C-alpha atoms as a PDB file:
ATOM      1  CA  MET A   1      -6.377 -26.167   4.797  1.00  0.00           C
ATOM      2  CA  ASN A   2      -3.636 -28.792   4.865  1.00  0.00           C
ATOM      3  CA  LYS A   3      -1.257 -28.653   1.909  1.00  0.00           C
ATOM      4  CA  VAL A   4      -1.352 -25.016   0.806  1.00  0.00           C
ATOM      5  CA  ASN A   5       0.386 -23.286  -2.056  1.00  0.00           C
ATOM      6  CA  VAL A   6       0.361 -19.519  -1.668  1.00  0.00           C
ATOM      7  CA  CYS A   7       1.649 -17.481  -4.593  1.00  0.00           C
ATOM      8  CA  ILE A   8       2.775 -13.888  -4.122  1.00  0.00           C
ATOM      9  CA  VAL A   9       2.648 -11.865  -7.333  1.00  0.00           C
ATOM     10  CA  GLY A  10       5.142  -9.030  -6.961  1.00  0.00           C
ATOM     11  CA  LEU A  11       8.316  -9.608  -4.960  1.00  0.00           C
ATOM     12  CA  GLY A  12       9.117  -6.064  -3.877  1.00  0.00           C
ATOM     13  CA  LEU A  13       8.951  -4.620  -0.368  1.00  0.00           C
ATOM     14  CA  MET A  14       5.325  -5.599   0.306  1.00  0.00           C
ATOM     15  CA  GLY A  15       5.338  -8.983  -1.408  1.00  0.00           C
ATOM     16  CA  GLY A  16       8.815  -9.971  -0.243  1.00  0.00           C
ATOM     17  CA  SER A  17       8.120  -9.009   3.366  1.00  0.00           C
ATOM     18  CA  LEU A  18       4.826 -10.893   3.297  1.00  0.00           C
ATOM     19  CA  ALA A  19       6.615 -13.964   1.953  1.00  0.00           C
ATOM     20  CA  LEU A  20       9.034 -13.884   4.889  1.00  0.00           C
ATOM     21  CA  SER A  21       6.192 -13.444   7.379  1.00  0.00           C
ATOM     22  CA  LEU A  22       4.111 -16.272   5.907  1.00  0.00           C
ATOM     23  CA  LYS A  23       7.073 -18.645   5.929  1.00  0.00           C
ATOM     24  CA  LYS A  24       7.447 -17.963   9.637  1.00  0.00           C
ATOM     25  CA  VAL A  25       3.804 -18.281  10.726  1.00  0.00           C
ATOM     26  CA  TYR A  26       2.849 -21.022   8.233  1.00  0.00           C
ATOM     27  CA  PRO A  27       6.011 -23.159   7.930  1.00  0.00           C
ATOM     28  CA  GLU A  28       3.949 -25.993   6.425  1.00  0.00           C
ATOM     29  CA  TRP A  29       2.862 -23.857   3.460  1.00  0.00           C
ATOM     30  CA  THR A  30       4.737 -23.610   0.163  1.00  0.00           C
ATOM     31  CA  VAL A  31       5.385 -19.956  -0.672  1.00  0.00           C
ATOM     32  CA  ILE A  32       5.679 -19.383  -4.422  1.00  0.00           C
ATOM     33  CA  GLY A  33       6.835 -16.147  -6.040  1.00  0.00           C
ATOM     34  CA  TYR A  34       6.045 -14.528  -9.369  1.00  0.00           C
ATOM     35  CA  ASP A  35       7.407 -11.312 -10.846  1.00  0.00           C
ATOM     36  CA  HIS A  36       7.945  -9.888 -14.347  1.00  0.00           C
ATOM     37  CA  ASN A  37      11.247  -8.387 -13.211  1.00  0.00           C
ATOM     38  CA  LYS A  38      14.013 -10.996 -13.675  1.00  0.00           C
ATOM     39  CA  LYS A  39      16.322  -9.117 -11.322  1.00  0.00           C
ATOM     40  CA  HIS A  40      13.667  -9.264  -8.607  1.00  0.00           C
ATOM     41  CA  ILE A  41      13.239 -12.997  -9.176  1.00  0.00           C
ATOM     42  CA  LYS A  42      16.967 -13.625  -8.759  1.00  0.00           C
ATOM     43  CA  GLN A  43      17.148 -11.468  -5.642  1.00  0.00           C
ATOM     44  CA  ALA A  44      14.104 -13.167  -4.115  1.00  0.00           C
ATOM     45  CA  VAL A  45      15.643 -16.582  -4.702  1.00  0.00           C
ATOM     46  CA  ASP A  46      19.059 -15.514  -3.392  1.00  0.00           C
ATOM     47  CA  LEU A  47      17.481 -13.998  -0.282  1.00  0.00           C
ATOM     48  CA  LYS A  48      15.286 -17.091   0.188  1.00  0.00           C
ATOM     49  CA  LEU A  49      12.132 -14.998   0.326  1.00  0.00           C
ATOM     50  CA  VAL A  50      10.176 -17.772  -1.419  1.00  0.00           C
ATOM     51  CA  ASP A  51      10.386 -21.549  -1.733  1.00  0.00           C
ATOM     52  CA  LYS A  52      10.051 -21.558  -5.509  1.00  0.00           C
ATOM     53  CA  ILE A  53       9.243 -19.382  -8.520  1.00  0.00           C
ATOM     54  CA  ALA A  54       6.181 -19.890 -10.739  1.00  0.00           C
ATOM     55  CA  LYS A  55       7.236 -20.349 -14.352  1.00  0.00           C
ATOM     56  CA  ASP A  56       4.179 -18.555 -15.771  1.00  0.00           C
ATOM     57  CA  PHE A  57       0.830 -17.035 -14.789  1.00  0.00           C
ATOM     58  CA  ASP A  58      -1.012 -20.288 -15.460  1.00  0.00           C
ATOM     59  CA  GLU A  59       0.995 -21.829 -12.617  1.00  0.00           C
ATOM     60  CA  VAL A  60       0.123 -18.842 -10.428  1.00  0.00           C
ATOM     61  CA  LYS A  61      -3.584 -19.487 -10.989  1.00  0.00           C
ATOM     62  CA  LYS A  62      -3.265 -23.061  -9.708  1.00  0.00           C
ATOM     63  CA  SER A  63      -2.282 -21.856  -6.215  1.00  0.00           C
ATOM     64  CA  ASN A  64      -4.721 -22.087  -3.309  1.00  0.00           C
ATOM     65  CA  ILE A  65      -4.069 -18.487  -2.295  1.00  0.00           C
ATOM     66  CA  ILE A  66      -2.938 -15.751  -4.694  1.00  0.00           C
ATOM     67  CA  ILE A  67      -1.697 -12.488  -3.216  1.00  0.00           C
ATOM     68  CA  LEU A  68      -1.406  -9.508  -5.560  1.00  0.00           C
ATOM     69  CA  ALA A  69       1.371  -7.232  -4.269  1.00  0.00           C
ATOM     70  CA  ILE A  70       1.744  -5.160  -7.426  1.00  0.00           C
ATOM     71  CA  PRO A  71       0.770  -1.615  -8.525  1.00  0.00           C
ATOM     72  CA  VAL A  72      -2.970  -0.964  -8.489  1.00  0.00           C
ATOM     73  CA  GLU A  73      -3.374  -0.725 -12.271  1.00  0.00           C
ATOM     74  CA  ALA A  74      -1.532  -4.047 -12.619  1.00  0.00           C
ATOM     75  CA  ILE A  75      -3.877  -5.605 -10.046  1.00  0.00           C
ATOM     76  CA  ILE A  76      -6.878  -4.799 -12.250  1.00  0.00           C
ATOM     77  CA  LYS A  77      -5.144  -6.280 -15.311  1.00  0.00           C
ATOM     78  CA  ALA A  78      -4.226  -9.428 -13.391  1.00  0.00           C
ATOM     79  CA  LEU A  79      -7.801  -9.914 -12.195  1.00  0.00           C
ATOM     80  CA  GLN A  80      -9.054  -9.765 -15.798  1.00  0.00           C
ATOM     81  CA  ASN A  81      -6.845 -12.783 -16.500  1.00  0.00           C
ATOM     82  CA  MET A  82      -8.139 -14.917 -13.619  1.00  0.00           C
ATOM     83  CA  GLU A  83     -11.699 -15.802 -14.586  1.00  0.00           C
ATOM     84  CA  ASP A  84     -10.748 -19.471 -15.037  1.00  0.00           C
ATOM     85  CA  ILE A  85      -9.508 -20.049 -11.476  1.00  0.00           C
ATOM     86  CA  SER A  86     -11.147 -22.554  -9.128  1.00  0.00           C
ATOM     87  CA  GLN A  87     -14.140 -21.310  -7.137  1.00  0.00           C
ATOM     88  CA  ASP A  88     -12.186 -22.268  -3.984  1.00  0.00           C
ATOM     89  CA  THR A  89      -9.173 -20.089  -4.830  1.00  0.00           C
ATOM     90  CA  ILE A  90      -8.523 -17.120  -2.559  1.00  0.00           C
ATOM     91  CA  ILE A  91      -7.282 -13.871  -4.106  1.00  0.00           C
ATOM     92  CA  ILE A  92      -6.016 -11.142  -1.770  1.00  0.00           C
ATOM     93  CA  ASP A  93      -5.065  -7.826  -3.303  1.00  0.00           C
ATOM     94  CA  LEU A  94      -2.861  -5.440  -1.311  1.00  0.00           C
ATOM     95  CA  GLY A  95      -3.634  -2.317  -3.328  1.00  0.00           C
ATOM     96  CA  SER A  96      -3.570   1.142  -1.728  1.00  0.00           C
ATOM     97  CA  THR A  97      -6.864   2.009  -3.450  1.00  0.00           C
ATOM     98  CA  LYS A  98      -9.897  -0.202  -3.317  1.00  0.00           C
ATOM     99  CA  GLU A  99     -13.007   1.127  -5.111  1.00  0.00           C
ATOM    100  CA  LYS A 100     -11.781   0.771  -8.699  1.00  0.00           C
ATOM    101  CA  ILE A 101     -10.161  -2.591  -8.014  1.00  0.00           C
ATOM    102  CA  VAL A 102     -13.412  -3.979  -6.584  1.00  0.00           C
ATOM    103  CA  LYS A 103     -15.536  -2.485  -9.389  1.00  0.00           C
ATOM    104  CA  ASN A 104     -13.242  -3.895 -12.072  1.00  0.00           C
ATOM    105  CA  THR A 105     -13.102  -7.415 -10.664  1.00  0.00           C
ATOM    106  CA  PRO A 106     -14.913  -9.810 -13.041  1.00  0.00           C
ATOM    107  CA  LYS A 107     -18.243 -10.886 -11.515  1.00  0.00           C
ATOM    108  CA  LYS A 108     -17.327 -14.533 -12.008  1.00  0.00           C
ATOM    109  CA  ILE A 109     -14.485 -14.281  -9.479  1.00  0.00           C
ATOM    110  CA  ARG A 110     -15.779 -11.546  -7.141  1.00  0.00           C
ATOM    111  CA  LYS A 111     -16.352 -14.064  -4.344  1.00  0.00           C
ATOM    112  CA  ASN A 112     -12.746 -15.210  -4.738  1.00  0.00           C
ATOM    113  CA  LEU A 113     -11.424 -11.732  -3.956  1.00  0.00           C
ATOM    114  CA  VAL A 114     -10.719 -10.213  -0.570  1.00  0.00           C
ATOM    115  CA  ALA A 115      -9.844  -6.533  -0.997  1.00  0.00           C
ATOM    116  CA  ALA A 116      -7.190  -5.626   1.578  1.00  0.00           C
ATOM    117  CA  HIS A 117      -4.965  -2.647   2.300  1.00  0.00           C
ATOM    118  CA  PRO A 118      -2.166  -3.212   4.819  1.00  0.00           C
ATOM    119  CA  MET A 119      -1.311   0.228   6.211  1.00  0.00           C
ATOM    120  CA  THR A 120       2.425  -0.295   6.258  1.00  0.00           C
ATOM    121  CA  GLY A 121       5.474   0.211   4.072  1.00  0.00           C
ATOM    122  CA  THR A 122       8.711   2.128   3.737  1.00  0.00           C
ATOM    123  CA  GLU A 123      10.209   4.370   1.079  1.00  0.00           C
ATOM    124  CA  ASN A 124      12.465   1.502  -0.072  1.00  0.00           C
ATOM    125  CA  THR A 125      11.640  -0.810  -2.944  1.00  0.00           C
ATOM    126  CA  GLY A 126      12.543  -4.237  -4.322  1.00  0.00           C
ATOM    127  CA  PRO A 127      13.219  -7.617  -2.712  1.00  0.00           C
ATOM    128  CA  THR A 128      16.303  -6.331  -0.876  1.00  0.00           C
ATOM    129  CA  ALA A 129      14.017  -3.943   1.065  1.00  0.00           C
ATOM    130  CA  ALA A 130      11.907  -6.828   2.437  1.00  0.00           C
ATOM    131  CA  PHE A 131      11.962  -7.661   6.135  1.00  0.00           C
ATOM    132  CA  GLU A 132      10.026 -10.101   8.274  1.00  0.00           C
ATOM    133  CA  THR A 133       8.316  -7.684  10.688  1.00  0.00           C
ATOM    134  CA  LEU A 134       6.880  -5.180   8.173  1.00  0.00           C
ATOM    135  CA  TYR A 135       3.312  -6.322   8.908  1.00  0.00           C
ATOM    136  CA  ASP A 136       3.670  -6.965  12.639  1.00  0.00           C
ATOM    137  CA  ASN A 137       1.244  -4.932  14.767  1.00  0.00           C
ATOM    138  CA  LYS A 138       0.147  -2.844  11.771  1.00  0.00           C
ATOM    139  CA  VAL A 139      -3.385  -2.049  10.574  1.00  0.00           C
ATOM    140  CA  VAL A 140      -4.990  -3.843   7.647  1.00  0.00           C
ATOM    141  CA  VAL A 141      -8.283  -2.585   6.181  1.00  0.00           C
ATOM    142  CA  LEU A 142     -10.583  -5.183   4.616  1.00  0.00           C
ATOM    143  CA  CYS A 143     -13.188  -3.764   2.247  1.00  0.00           C
ATOM    144  CA  ASP A 144     -16.620  -4.850   0.998  1.00  0.00           C
ATOM    145  CA  LEU A 145     -16.356  -8.245   2.718  1.00  0.00           C
ATOM    146  CA  GLU A 146     -20.058  -8.914   2.153  1.00  0.00           C
ATOM    147  CA  ASP A 147     -19.180  -9.598  -1.497  1.00  0.00           C
ATOM    148  CA  SER A 148     -16.397 -12.084  -0.681  1.00  0.00           C
ATOM    149  CA  GLY A 149     -17.012 -15.808  -0.246  1.00  0.00           C
ATOM    150  CA  GLU A 150     -17.236 -17.182   3.303  1.00  0.00           C
ATOM    151  CA  LYS A 151     -14.189 -19.398   2.862  1.00  0.00           C
ATOM    152  CA  GLN A 152     -12.145 -16.632   1.295  1.00  0.00           C
ATOM    153  CA  LYS A 153     -13.166 -14.166   3.988  1.00  0.00           C
ATOM    154  CA  ASN A 154     -12.500 -16.448   6.959  1.00  0.00           C
ATOM    155  CA  ILE A 155      -9.122 -17.726   5.790  1.00  0.00           C
ATOM    156  CA  THR A 156      -7.955 -14.191   4.962  1.00  0.00           C
ATOM    157  CA  ILE A 157      -9.004 -12.860   8.367  1.00  0.00           C
ATOM    158  CA  ASN A 158      -7.176 -15.728  10.072  1.00  0.00           C
ATOM    159  CA  LEU A 159      -4.104 -15.072   7.922  1.00  0.00           C
ATOM    160  CA  PHE A 160      -3.879 -11.426   8.960  1.00  0.00           C
ATOM    161  CA  LYS A 161      -4.525 -12.341  12.600  1.00  0.00           C
ATOM    162  CA  LYS A 162      -1.628 -14.803  12.368  1.00  0.00           C
ATOM    163  CA  LEU A 163       0.529 -11.926  11.130  1.00  0.00           C
ATOM    164  CA  ASN A 164      -0.428 -10.003  14.299  1.00  0.00           C
ATOM    165  CA  MET A 165      -2.240  -7.307  12.348  1.00  0.00           C
ATOM    166  CA  LYS A 166      -5.057  -5.062  13.592  1.00  0.00           C
ATOM    167  CA  ILE A 167      -8.067  -5.600  11.333  1.00  0.00           C
ATOM    168  CA  PHE A 168     -10.503  -2.833  10.390  1.00  0.00           C
ATOM    169  CA  TYR A 169     -13.561  -3.265   8.164  1.00  0.00           C
ATOM    170  CA  MET A 170     -14.744  -0.594   5.745  1.00  0.00           C
ATOM    171  CA  ASP A 171     -16.535  -0.123   2.453  1.00  0.00           C
ATOM    172  CA  SER A 172     -14.234   0.626  -0.489  1.00  0.00           C
ATOM    173  CA  VAL A 173     -15.634   4.128  -1.122  1.00  0.00           C
ATOM    174  CA  SER A 174     -14.973   5.226   2.468  1.00  0.00           C
ATOM    175  CA  HIS A 175     -11.542   3.592   2.388  1.00  0.00           C
ATOM    176  CA  ASP A 176     -10.441   5.620  -0.622  1.00  0.00           C
ATOM    177  CA  TYR A 177     -11.760   8.854   0.906  1.00  0.00           C
ATOM    178  CA  HIS A 178      -9.861   8.267   4.169  1.00  0.00           C
ATOM    179  CA  ALA A 179      -6.723   6.982   2.428  1.00  0.00           C
ATOM    180  CA  ALA A 180      -6.527  10.179   0.364  1.00  0.00           C
ATOM    181  CA  TYR A 181      -5.958  12.209   3.555  1.00  0.00           C
ATOM    182  CA  ILE A 182      -3.915   9.801   5.651  1.00  0.00           C
ATOM    183  CA  SER A 183      -1.696   8.259   2.950  1.00  0.00           C
ATOM    184  CA  HIS A 184      -2.020   9.701  -0.550  1.00  0.00           C
ATOM    185  CA  LEU A 185      -1.913  13.407   0.396  1.00  0.00           C
ATOM    186  CA  PRO A 186       1.268  12.968   2.516  1.00  0.00           C
ATOM    187  CA  HIS A 187       2.979  11.320  -0.446  1.00  0.00           C
ATOM    188  CA  ALA A 188       1.856  14.128  -2.763  1.00  0.00           C
ATOM    189  CA  MET A 189       3.188  16.664  -0.245  1.00  0.00           C
ATOM    190  CA  SER A 190       6.518  14.867   0.037  1.00  0.00           C
ATOM    191  CA  PHE A 191       7.023  14.781  -3.729  1.00  0.00           C
ATOM    192  CA  SER A 192       6.076  18.482  -3.861  1.00  0.00           C
ATOM    193  CA  LEU A 193       8.437  19.451  -1.046  1.00  0.00           C
ATOM    194  CA  ALA A 194      11.340  17.606  -2.680  1.00  0.00           C
ATOM    195  CA  ASN A 195      10.709  19.276  -6.043  1.00  0.00           C
ATOM    196  CA  THR A 196      10.311  22.699  -4.395  1.00  0.00           C
ATOM    197  CA  VAL A 197      13.864  22.434  -3.061  1.00  0.00           C
ATOM    198  CA  LEU A 198      15.277  20.842  -6.215  1.00  0.00           C
ATOM    199  CA  ASN A 199      13.847  23.694  -8.320  1.00  0.00           C
ATOM    200  CA  GLN A 200      15.803  26.332  -6.384  1.00  0.00           C
ATOM    201  CA  GLU A 201      18.980  27.879  -7.793  1.00  0.00           C
ATOM    202  CA  ASN A 202      21.360  25.962  -5.536  1.00  0.00           C
ATOM    203  CA  PRO A 203      19.540  22.952  -4.040  1.00  0.00           C
ATOM    204  CA  LYS A 204      22.729  21.287  -2.778  1.00  0.00           C
ATOM    205  CA  SER A 205      23.487  24.240  -0.506  1.00  0.00           C
ATOM    206  CA  ILE A 206      19.934  24.167   0.843  1.00  0.00           C
ATOM    207  CA  LEU A 207      20.034  20.401   1.437  1.00  0.00           C
ATOM    208  CA  ALA A 208      23.353  20.717   3.256  1.00  0.00           C
ATOM    209  CA  MET A 209      21.371  22.402   6.033  1.00  0.00           C
ATOM    210  CA  ALA A 210      18.652  19.709   6.100  1.00  0.00           C
ATOM    211  CA  GLY A 211      17.867  18.373   9.551  1.00  0.00           C
ATOM    212  CA  GLY A 212      15.544  15.735  10.907  1.00  0.00           C
ATOM    213  CA  GLY A 213      12.361  17.673  10.148  1.00  0.00           C
ATOM    214  CA  PHE A 214      13.060  18.023   6.428  1.00  0.00           C
ATOM    215  CA  SER A 215      14.392  14.466   6.154  1.00  0.00           C
ATOM    216  CA  SER A 216      11.255  13.053   7.794  1.00  0.00           C
ATOM    217  CA  MET A 217       8.953  15.027   5.500  1.00  0.00           C
ATOM    218  CA  ALA A 218      10.908  14.295   2.315  1.00  0.00           C
ATOM    219  CA  ARG A 219      11.692  10.646   3.096  1.00  0.00           C
ATOM    220  CA  ILE A 220       8.734   9.183   1.227  1.00  0.00           C
ATOM    221  CA  ALA A 221       9.634  11.172  -1.897  1.00  0.00           C
ATOM    222  CA  LYS A 222      11.910   8.188  -2.577  1.00  0.00           C
ATOM    223  CA  SER A 223       8.806   6.047  -3.151  1.00  0.00           C
ATOM    224  CA  SER A 224       8.151   4.384  -6.518  1.00  0.00           C
ATOM    225  CA  PRO A 225       6.826   6.857  -9.158  1.00  0.00           C
ATOM    226  CA  ILE A 226       5.175   3.999 -11.058  1.00  0.00           C
ATOM    227  CA  MET A 227       3.277   2.766  -8.012  1.00  0.00           C
ATOM    228  CA  TRP A 228       2.239   6.205  -6.788  1.00  0.00           C
ATOM    229  CA  SER A 229       1.185   7.637 -10.144  1.00  0.00           C
ATOM    230  CA  ASP A 230      -1.154   4.636 -10.435  1.00  0.00           C
ATOM    231  CA  ILE A 231      -2.552   5.329  -6.954  1.00  0.00           C
ATOM    232  CA  PHE A 232      -3.062   9.011  -7.741  1.00  0.00           C
ATOM    233  CA  LYS A 233      -4.802   8.008 -10.991  1.00  0.00           C
ATOM    234  CA  GLN A 234      -7.198   5.590  -9.297  1.00  0.00           C
ATOM    235  CA  ASN A 235      -8.018   7.924  -6.409  1.00  0.00           C
ATOM    236  CA  LYS A 236      -7.960  11.161  -8.427  1.00  0.00           C
ATOM    237  CA  LYS A 237     -11.174  12.746  -7.100  1.00  0.00           C
ATOM    238  CA  ASN A 238     -10.440  12.143  -3.423  1.00  0.00           C
ATOM    239  CA  LEU A 239      -6.810  13.182  -3.775  1.00  0.00           C
ATOM    240  CA  LEU A 240      -7.760  16.449  -5.511  1.00  0.00           C
ATOM    241  CA  ASN A 241     -10.249  17.212  -2.728  1.00  0.00           C
ATOM    242  CA  SER A 242      -7.584  16.544  -0.085  1.00  0.00           C
ATOM    243  CA  ILE A 243      -5.122  18.817  -1.925  1.00  0.00           C
ATOM    244  CA  ASP A 244      -7.787  21.562  -2.015  1.00  0.00           C
ATOM    245  CA  SER A 245      -8.273  21.193   1.749  1.00  0.00           C
ATOM    246  CA  PHE A 246      -4.520  21.348   2.325  1.00  0.00           C
ATOM    247  CA  ASN A 247      -4.133  24.400   0.071  1.00  0.00           C
ATOM    248  CA  LYS A 248      -6.865  26.155   2.080  1.00  0.00           C
ATOM    249  CA  GLU A 249      -4.799  25.702   5.243  1.00  0.00           C
ATOM    250  CA  VAL A 250      -1.569  26.795   3.535  1.00  0.00           C
ATOM    251  CA  ASN A 251      -3.259  29.934   2.224  1.00  0.00           C
ATOM    252  CA  LEU A 252      -4.612  30.684   5.689  1.00  0.00           C
ATOM    253  CA  LEU A 253      -1.096  30.281   7.085  1.00  0.00           C
ATOM    254  CA  LYS A 254       0.302  32.581   4.398  1.00  0.00           C
ATOM    255  CA  ASN A 255      -2.298  35.266   5.133  1.00  0.00           C
ATOM    256  CA  MET A 256      -1.684  35.152   8.896  1.00  0.00           C
ATOM    257  CA  ILE A 257       2.055  35.615   8.344  1.00  0.00           C
ATOM    258  CA  GLU A 258       1.600  38.363   5.751  1.00  0.00           C
ATOM    259  CA  GLU A 259      -0.793  40.261   8.008  1.00  0.00           C
ATOM    260  CA  GLU A 260       1.273  39.547  11.155  1.00  0.00           C
ATOM    261  CA  ARG A 261      -1.643  37.943  12.985  1.00  0.00           C
ATOM    262  CA  TRP A 262       0.689  36.217  15.397  1.00  0.00           C
ATOM    263  CA  GLU A 263      -1.788  35.367  18.166  1.00  0.00           C
ATOM    264  CA  GLU A 264      -4.154  33.802  15.632  1.00  0.00           C
ATOM    265  CA  LEU A 265      -1.206  31.894  14.173  1.00  0.00           C
ATOM    266  CA  GLN A 266      -0.377  30.438  17.593  1.00  0.00           C
ATOM    267  CA  LEU A 267      -3.973  29.330  18.107  1.00  0.00           C
ATOM    268  CA  TRP A 268      -3.920  27.716  14.628  1.00  0.00           C
ATOM    269  CA  MET A 269      -0.734  25.828  15.558  1.00  0.00           C
ATOM    270  CA  LYS A 270      -2.197  24.845  18.945  1.00  0.00           C
ATOM    271  CA  LYS A 271      -5.170  23.303  17.149  1.00  0.00           C
ATOM    272  CA  ALA A 272      -2.730  21.290  15.021  1.00  0.00           C
ATOM    273  CA  ASN A 273      -0.955  20.130  18.212  1.00  0.00           C
ATOM    274  CA  SER A 274      -4.192  18.476  19.350  1.00  0.00           C
ATOM    275  CA  ILE A 275      -3.914  15.823  16.636  1.00  0.00           C
ATOM    276  CA  HIS A 276      -1.572  13.974  19.005  1.00  0.00           C
ATOM    277  CA  ASP A 277      -4.501  13.500  21.393  1.00  0.00           C
ATOM    278  CA  ILE A 278      -6.030  11.294  18.693  1.00  0.00           C
ATOM    279  CA  ILE A 279      -3.068   9.359  17.281  1.00  0.00           C
END
C-alpha cells in the first residue's frame, strides 16, 4: 500500500497510543482521528496524536484502514453503519471481547474485519494518557482469521509485527473464555476490593495504611466504568463462571482459617506460588 489513510475511531489511551506508534513506524501514512468527545478531539490535536480529524463518519469510512478503539458495544454499533465501505477497506477492532463482535458483524463486511485484542493498557484514560510504547513487545490476539479477507489479514499481521507485538491466533469463543480469567476477573476483583474498603465506617483511615500490595490490586479500579460494564455485559457467562471459580477458592481459604488448618493453608499458598513458573 502506497498512500494510506488510517483512521482511528476513539482517541483515548488505546487509540491515542496506537496513533503515536503508527506515526512512528509508518511515517508515510496519514493518521486521521475521530471521536464523539470534543474535548478528546482538542486534546488529540494539541498533543499531535493525529495528522487530522475526520469531520464525520462518512469521511471515516473512506479511509483505507479503520481502527475501532472504542467500547465493545460501540464497536458493534459502528460496524452496523459500515456496510457501504469498499471491499478493500480494512477494519481492525481492538475490543476486549470478541465473540459477540464477530457474530454481530454484518455478513457483507465480515471479510473486511480483523478481530484483534491487544493485551495492553493502563488504568488511565483519555488522549493525555496516550504514550508511544504502549503496544511495544505486548501480546495481540487475532481471532477467527479464517473469516477475514487475505488482504485484510496480511496487512493487519504486518502492522502488528511493525509495532513489535507478539501475535497469537485463537477462535473468538476460546478468547473470551481465557480473557474472563486473565483480564476481566482481575478487573472485577479490583472494583470489588475498592468498594469493600470504601463501604467501611472510616475508609480514609484504612487507606492511610495502604502499601504497595493494596495499591497494585486496587490500581485498575480507576478504569473506565463505561468500558468495563460493556465488557462484563458481552462476556457475562464466562465472567460469572470465573467469579464462581474465584469464590470457591476464597471460601476454601476462609474455611482453612476458621478451622485453623495452617499446614493445609501453607500448601494451598505454595501451589499459588507455582504460577510464577508459568508466567
